[in-house]
Amino acid sequence: MNLENISKTIKLTTARKAILETFIESSRPLCYEDIKDNLHMDKATFYRNITKFEEEKIIHSFESNDKKRYFEIPKVKHSHFICNICSKIECIHEKVNVNIEGHQIDNIVIKGICPECLKK
């Protein structure tokens, strides 16, 4: 996904462009706290724009164990693993097959214990 394609869908303000560039460059899901120091906007502006991106299906989100909302631009459809001990989030690129009759599944979040925490 690139800014040129997105600009065909919604108007790209300076704030929207800054947010999207941050997510395009990231290889992992990010929460507001991860990027707030790199953005020159208040929290309300960030979340107002994120809401618009979610409505337009540009950005996907999920909640982690730490009760923070994490966002990412889905470059490839994948699932997420969240460690119940350290709250580390990992992208899972192996195919996870879950089918529920009559439902469309867009995102799968798996919770458990990561390899590092299992060693402890």
N, C-alpha and C. Protein backbone atom coordinates (compact mmCIF):
# COMPACT_ATOMS: atom_id res chain seq x y z
N MET A 1 0.85 -1.17 0.00
CA MET A 1 0.00 0.00 0.00
C MET A 1 0.90 1.23 0.00
N ASN A 2 0.54 2.23 -0.81
CA ASN A 2 1.32 3.46 -0.83
C ASN A 2 0.40 4.67 -0.75
N LEU A 3 1.00 5.82 -0.50
CA LEU A 3 0.22 7.05 -0.30
C LEU A 3 -0.57 7.45 -1.54
N GLU A 4 -0.02 7.16 -2.71
CA GLU A 4 -0.71 7.52 -3.95
C GLU A 4 -2.04 6.79 -4.07
N ASN A 5 -2.05 5.51 -3.75
CA ASN A 5 -3.29 4.73 -3.80
C ASN A 5 -4.29 5.21 -2.76
N ILE A 6 -3.80 5.52 -1.56
CA ILE A 6 -4.67 5.98 -0.48
C ILE A 6 -5.29 7.32 -0.81
N SER A 7 -4.52 8.21 -1.46
CA SER A 7 -5.03 9.54 -1.77
C SER A 7 -6.20 9.51 -2.75
N LYS A 8 -6.38 8.38 -3.42
CA LYS A 8 -7.54 8.23 -4.32
C LYS A 8 -8.81 7.96 -3.52
N THR A 9 -8.65 7.48 -2.29
CA THR A 9 -9.77 7.13 -1.42
C THR A 9 -10.16 8.26 -0.49
N ILE A 10 -9.17 8.88 0.16
CA ILE A 10 -9.43 9.95 1.11
C ILE A 10 -8.47 11.11 0.89
N LYS A 11 -8.84 12.27 1.39
CA LYS A 11 -7.97 13.43 1.30
C LYS A 11 -6.80 13.25 2.26
N LEU A 12 -5.59 13.47 1.76
CA LEU A 12 -4.40 13.31 2.59
C LEU A 12 -3.96 14.65 3.14
N THR A 13 -4.31 14.90 4.39
CA THR A 13 -3.86 16.10 5.08
C THR A 13 -2.42 15.85 5.56
N THR A 14 -1.79 16.85 6.08
CA THR A 14 -0.43 16.70 6.61
C THR A 14 -0.40 15.68 7.74
N ALA A 15 -1.37 15.74 8.63
CA ALA A 15 -1.44 14.79 9.76
C ALA A 15 -1.65 13.36 9.25
N ARG A 16 -2.57 13.18 8.32
CA ARG A 16 -2.83 11.83 7.79
C ARG A 16 -1.60 11.27 7.09
N LYS A 17 -0.93 12.11 6.33
CA LYS A 17 0.27 11.66 5.63
C LYS A 17 1.35 11.22 6.63
N ALA A 18 1.55 11.99 7.69
CA ALA A 18 2.55 11.66 8.71
C ALA A 18 2.23 10.33 9.39
N ILE A 19 0.96 10.13 9.72
CA ILE A 19 0.55 8.87 10.36
C ILE A 19 0.78 7.69 9.42
N LEU A 20 0.32 7.83 8.19
CA LEU A 20 0.44 6.72 7.24
C LEU A 20 1.89 6.39 6.92
N GLU A 21 2.73 7.40 6.77
CA GLU A 21 4.15 7.14 6.49
C GLU A 21 4.78 6.34 7.63
N THR A 22 4.39 6.64 8.85
CA THR A 22 4.91 5.91 10.01
C THR A 22 4.52 4.44 9.93
N PHE A 23 3.27 4.16 9.60
CA PHE A 23 2.81 2.78 9.53
C PHE A 23 3.34 2.05 8.30
N ILE A 24 3.49 2.74 7.20
CA ILE A 24 4.04 2.12 5.99
C ILE A 24 5.48 1.66 6.25
N GLU A 25 6.25 2.46 6.98
CA GLU A 25 7.64 2.15 7.26
C GLU A 25 7.82 1.09 8.35
N SER A 26 6.79 0.84 9.13
CA SER A 26 6.91 -0.09 10.26
C SER A 26 6.74 -1.54 9.82
N SER A 27 7.48 -2.41 10.48
CA SER A 27 7.37 -3.85 10.20
C SER A 27 6.56 -4.56 11.28
N ARG A 28 6.00 -3.79 12.21
CA ARG A 28 5.23 -4.39 13.31
C ARG A 28 4.07 -3.46 13.68
N PRO A 29 3.08 -4.00 14.37
CA PRO A 29 1.98 -3.15 14.85
C PRO A 29 2.49 -2.12 15.86
N LEU A 30 1.89 -0.93 15.84
CA LEU A 30 2.30 0.15 16.73
C LEU A 30 1.10 0.71 17.47
N CYS A 31 1.33 1.13 18.72
CA CYS A 31 0.30 1.83 19.46
C CYS A 31 0.65 3.32 19.47
N TYR A 32 -0.25 4.14 19.94
CA TYR A 32 -0.02 5.58 19.98
C TYR A 32 1.26 5.91 20.74
N GLU A 33 1.48 5.25 21.86
CA GLU A 33 2.65 5.53 22.68
C GLU A 33 3.96 5.25 21.95
N ASP A 34 3.94 4.29 21.01
CA ASP A 34 5.14 3.96 20.23
C ASP A 34 5.56 5.10 19.30
N ILE A 35 4.60 5.88 18.85
CA ILE A 35 4.91 6.87 17.80
C ILE A 35 4.62 8.31 18.17
N LYS A 36 4.08 8.56 19.33
CA LYS A 36 3.66 9.92 19.69
C LYS A 36 4.80 10.93 19.64
N ASP A 37 6.01 10.53 19.97
CA ASP A 37 7.13 11.46 19.97
C ASP A 37 7.59 11.82 18.56
N ASN A 38 7.25 11.00 17.58
CA ASN A 38 7.64 11.27 16.20
C ASN A 38 6.58 12.03 15.42
N LEU A 39 5.39 12.18 15.99
CA LEU A 39 4.30 12.89 15.32
C LEU A 39 4.10 14.25 15.98
N HIS A 40 3.82 15.23 15.18
CA HIS A 40 3.58 16.58 15.70
C HIS A 40 2.08 16.87 15.68
N MET A 41 1.36 16.13 16.52
CA MET A 41 -0.09 16.32 16.61
C MET A 41 -0.54 15.82 17.98
N ASP A 42 -1.70 16.28 18.40
CA ASP A 42 -2.21 15.83 19.69
C ASP A 42 -2.89 14.47 19.55
N LYS A 43 -3.17 13.87 20.68
CA LYS A 43 -3.75 12.53 20.73
C LYS A 43 -5.11 12.48 20.03
N ALA A 44 -5.93 13.51 20.21
CA ALA A 44 -7.26 13.54 19.60
C ALA A 44 -7.16 13.53 18.08
N THR A 45 -6.23 14.29 17.52
CA THR A 45 -6.04 14.32 16.06
C THR A 45 -5.59 12.95 15.56
N PHE A 46 -4.69 12.32 16.29
CA PHE A 46 -4.23 10.99 15.92
C PHE A 46 -5.41 10.02 15.84
N TYR A 47 -6.19 9.94 16.92
CA TYR A 47 -7.28 8.97 16.97
C TYR A 47 -8.42 9.30 16.00
N ARG A 48 -8.66 10.56 15.76
CA ARG A 48 -9.68 10.95 14.78
C ARG A 48 -9.29 10.44 13.38
N ASN A 49 -8.02 10.59 13.04
CA ASN A 49 -7.55 10.11 11.74
C ASN A 49 -7.49 8.59 11.68
N ILE A 50 -7.08 7.96 12.76
CA ILE A 50 -7.04 6.50 12.81
C ILE A 50 -8.45 5.93 12.60
N THR A 51 -9.44 6.56 13.21
CA THR A 51 -10.83 6.12 13.03
C THR A 51 -11.22 6.17 11.57
N LYS A 52 -10.86 7.22 10.89
CA LYS A 52 -11.15 7.36 9.45
C LYS A 52 -10.44 6.27 8.66
N PHE A 53 -9.17 6.00 8.99
CA PHE A 53 -8.42 4.94 8.30
C PHE A 53 -9.06 3.57 8.51
N GLU A 54 -9.55 3.33 9.72
CA GLU A 54 -10.21 2.05 10.00
C GLU A 54 -11.52 1.93 9.23
N GLU A 55 -12.29 3.01 9.17
CA GLU A 55 -13.54 3.02 8.40
C GLU A 55 -13.28 2.71 6.93
N GLU A 56 -12.17 3.21 6.41
CA GLU A 56 -11.81 3.01 5.00
C GLU A 56 -11.04 1.71 4.78
N LYS A 57 -10.84 0.94 5.87
CA LYS A 57 -10.12 -0.35 5.83
C LYS A 57 -8.67 -0.19 5.36
N ILE A 58 -8.06 0.95 5.70
CA ILE A 58 -6.66 1.21 5.38
C ILE A 58 -5.78 0.68 6.50
N ILE A 59 -6.25 0.82 7.73
CA ILE A 59 -5.52 0.37 8.91
C ILE A 59 -6.40 -0.61 9.69
N HIS A 60 -5.79 -1.67 10.19
CA HIS A 60 -6.47 -2.63 11.06
C HIS A 60 -5.93 -2.45 12.48
N SER A 61 -6.74 -2.84 13.46
CA SER A 61 -6.29 -2.70 14.84
C SER A 61 -6.74 -3.88 15.69
N PHE A 62 -6.10 -4.01 16.84
CA PHE A 62 -6.48 -5.01 17.83
C PHE A 62 -5.99 -4.54 19.19
N GLU A 63 -6.58 -5.07 20.24
CA GLU A 63 -6.19 -4.70 21.60
C GLU A 63 -5.27 -5.77 22.17
N SER A 64 -4.23 -5.33 22.87
CA SER A 64 -3.27 -6.25 23.47
C SER A 64 -3.58 -6.45 24.95
N ASN A 65 -2.77 -7.28 25.60
CA ASN A 65 -2.93 -7.54 27.03
C ASN A 65 -2.77 -6.29 27.87
N ASP A 66 -1.98 -5.34 27.37
CA ASP A 66 -1.72 -4.11 28.12
C ASP A 66 -2.83 -3.07 27.95
N LYS A 67 -3.95 -3.49 27.33
CA LYS A 67 -5.14 -2.66 27.10
C LYS A 67 -4.88 -1.50 26.14
N LYS A 68 -3.77 -1.58 25.40
CA LYS A 68 -3.48 -0.58 24.38
C LYS A 68 -3.97 -1.11 23.04
N ARG A 69 -4.39 -0.19 22.20
CA ARG A 69 -4.84 -0.54 20.86
C ARG A 69 -3.64 -0.43 19.92
N TYR A 70 -3.38 -1.47 19.17
CA TYR A 70 -2.28 -1.51 18.21
C TYR A 70 -2.83 -1.45 16.80
N PHE A 71 -2.10 -0.75 15.94
CA PHE A 71 -2.54 -0.49 14.57
C PHE A 71 -1.46 -0.92 13.59
N GLU A 72 -1.90 -1.30 12.39
CA GLU A 72 -0.96 -1.59 11.32
C GLU A 72 -1.68 -1.51 9.98
N ILE A 73 -0.90 -1.24 8.96
CA ILE A 73 -1.40 -1.32 7.59
C ILE A 73 -1.15 -2.76 7.17
N PRO A 74 -2.20 -3.48 6.85
CA PRO A 74 -2.02 -4.90 6.49
C PRO A 74 -1.39 -5.06 5.11
N LYS A 75 -0.07 -5.30 5.10
CA LYS A 75 0.64 -5.48 3.84
C LYS A 75 0.34 -6.86 3.26
N VAL A 76 0.26 -7.85 4.16
CA VAL A 76 -0.09 -9.22 3.82
C VAL A 76 -1.01 -9.70 4.93
N LYS A 77 -2.07 -10.41 4.58
CA LYS A 77 -2.99 -10.90 5.60
C LYS A 77 -2.25 -11.87 6.52
N HIS A 78 -2.33 -11.61 7.84
CA HIS A 78 -1.64 -12.45 8.81
C HIS A 78 -2.31 -12.33 10.17
N SER A 79 -1.89 -13.19 11.08
CA SER A 79 -2.41 -13.22 12.44
C SER A 79 -1.37 -12.65 13.39
N HIS A 80 -1.76 -12.55 14.67
CA HIS A 80 -0.84 -12.03 15.68
C HIS A 80 -0.81 -12.95 16.89
N PHE A 81 0.37 -13.03 17.51
CA PHE A 81 0.55 -13.77 18.75
C PHE A 81 0.91 -12.76 19.83
N ILE A 82 0.23 -12.83 20.97
CA ILE A 82 0.51 -11.94 22.10
C ILE A 82 0.87 -12.81 23.30
N CYS A 83 2.05 -12.55 23.86
CA CYS A 83 2.51 -13.31 25.02
C CYS A 83 1.75 -12.85 26.27
N ASN A 84 1.23 -13.81 27.00
CA ASN A 84 0.48 -13.51 28.23
C ASN A 84 1.38 -13.04 29.38
N ILE A 85 2.69 -13.26 29.27
CA ILE A 85 3.60 -12.87 30.34
C ILE A 85 4.25 -11.52 30.06
N CYS A 86 4.91 -11.38 28.90
CA CYS A 86 5.65 -10.14 28.60
C CYS A 86 4.88 -9.18 27.68
N SER A 87 3.75 -9.61 27.15
CA SER A 87 2.88 -8.82 26.26
C SER A 87 3.53 -8.50 24.91
N LYS A 88 4.60 -9.19 24.57
CA LYS A 88 5.24 -9.01 23.26
C LYS A 88 4.26 -9.43 22.16
N ILE A 89 4.24 -8.66 21.08
CA ILE A 89 3.37 -8.95 19.94
C ILE A 89 4.22 -9.42 18.78
N GLU A 90 3.84 -10.54 18.19
CA GLU A 90 4.54 -11.08 17.03
C GLU A 90 3.55 -11.24 15.89
N CYS A 91 4.00 -10.93 14.68
CA CYS A 91 3.20 -11.20 13.49
C CYS A 91 3.43 -12.65 13.10
N ILE A 92 2.37 -13.36 12.84
CA ILE A 92 2.44 -14.77 12.44
C ILE A 92 2.12 -14.83 10.95
N HIS A 93 3.09 -15.24 10.16
CA HIS A 93 2.87 -15.29 8.72
C HIS A 93 2.53 -16.69 8.22
N GLU A 94 2.60 -17.68 9.12
CA GLU A 94 2.14 -19.01 8.75
C GLU A 94 0.62 -18.96 8.66
N LYS A 95 0.06 -19.74 7.77
CA LYS A 95 -1.39 -19.74 7.59
C LYS A 95 -2.06 -20.37 8.81
N VAL A 96 -3.01 -19.65 9.39
CA VAL A 96 -3.79 -20.14 10.51
C VAL A 96 -5.20 -20.38 9.98
N ASN A 97 -5.61 -21.63 9.91
CA ASN A 97 -6.91 -21.97 9.35
C ASN A 97 -7.97 -22.03 10.43
N VAL A 98 -8.87 -21.06 10.41
CA VAL A 98 -10.02 -21.06 11.29
C VAL A 98 -11.22 -20.71 10.43
N ASN A 99 -12.18 -21.58 10.42
CA ASN A 99 -13.40 -21.33 9.66
C ASN A 99 -14.59 -21.48 10.59
N ILE A 100 -15.43 -20.47 10.60
CA ILE A 100 -16.67 -20.53 11.36
C ILE A 100 -17.79 -20.32 10.35
N GLU A 101 -18.65 -21.31 10.23
CA GLU A 101 -19.71 -21.26 9.23
C GLU A 101 -20.54 -19.98 9.37
N GLY A 102 -20.71 -19.29 8.25
CA GLY A 102 -21.52 -18.09 8.22
C GLY A 102 -20.79 -16.83 8.67
N HIS A 103 -19.49 -16.92 8.92
CA HIS A 103 -18.72 -15.77 9.40
C HIS A 103 -17.56 -15.48 8.45
N GLN A 104 -17.19 -14.22 8.38
CA GLN A 104 -15.98 -13.80 7.67
C GLN A 104 -14.96 -13.41 8.73
N ILE A 105 -13.83 -14.05 8.73
CA ILE A 105 -12.78 -13.77 9.72
C ILE A 105 -11.75 -12.86 9.08
N ASP A 106 -11.53 -11.69 9.70
CA ASP A 106 -10.57 -10.72 9.17
C ASP A 106 -9.25 -10.74 9.91
N ASN A 107 -9.26 -11.12 11.19
CA ASN A 107 -8.05 -11.06 11.99
C ASN A 107 -8.12 -12.12 13.08
N ILE A 108 -6.98 -12.74 13.34
CA ILE A 108 -6.91 -13.73 14.41
C ILE A 108 -5.81 -13.31 15.36
N VAL A 109 -6.12 -13.22 16.65
CA VAL A 109 -5.14 -12.91 17.68
C VAL A 109 -5.04 -14.15 18.58
N ILE A 110 -3.82 -14.69 18.66
CA ILE A 110 -3.58 -15.88 19.46
C ILE A 110 -2.79 -15.45 20.70
N LYS A 111 -3.22 -15.90 21.86
CA LYS A 111 -2.52 -15.56 23.10
C LYS A 111 -1.95 -16.82 23.72
N GLY A 112 -0.76 -16.67 24.28
CA GLY A 112 -0.08 -17.79 24.91
C GLY A 112 1.21 -17.30 25.53
N ILE A 113 2.22 -18.16 25.56
CA ILE A 113 3.51 -17.80 26.14
C ILE A 113 4.58 -17.91 25.05
N CYS A 114 5.35 -16.84 24.88
CA CYS A 114 6.38 -16.80 23.84
C CYS A 114 7.58 -17.67 24.22
N PRO A 115 8.43 -18.01 23.27
CA PRO A 115 9.60 -18.86 23.55
C PRO A 115 10.52 -18.31 24.63
N GLU A 116 10.73 -16.98 24.64
CA GLU A 116 11.62 -16.39 25.65
C GLU A 116 11.07 -16.58 27.05
N CYS A 117 9.77 -16.38 27.22
CA CYS A 117 9.16 -16.53 28.54
C CYS A 117 9.07 -18.00 28.96
N LEU A 118 8.94 -18.90 28.00
CA LEU A 118 8.93 -20.34 28.31
C LEU A 118 10.27 -20.80 28.88
N LYS A 119 11.36 -20.15 28.44
CA LYS A 119 12.70 -20.51 28.91
C LYS A 119 12.94 -20.09 30.35
N LYS A 120 12.21 -19.09 30.82
CA LYS A 120 12.44 -18.55 32.17
C LYS A 120 11.90 -19.46 33.25
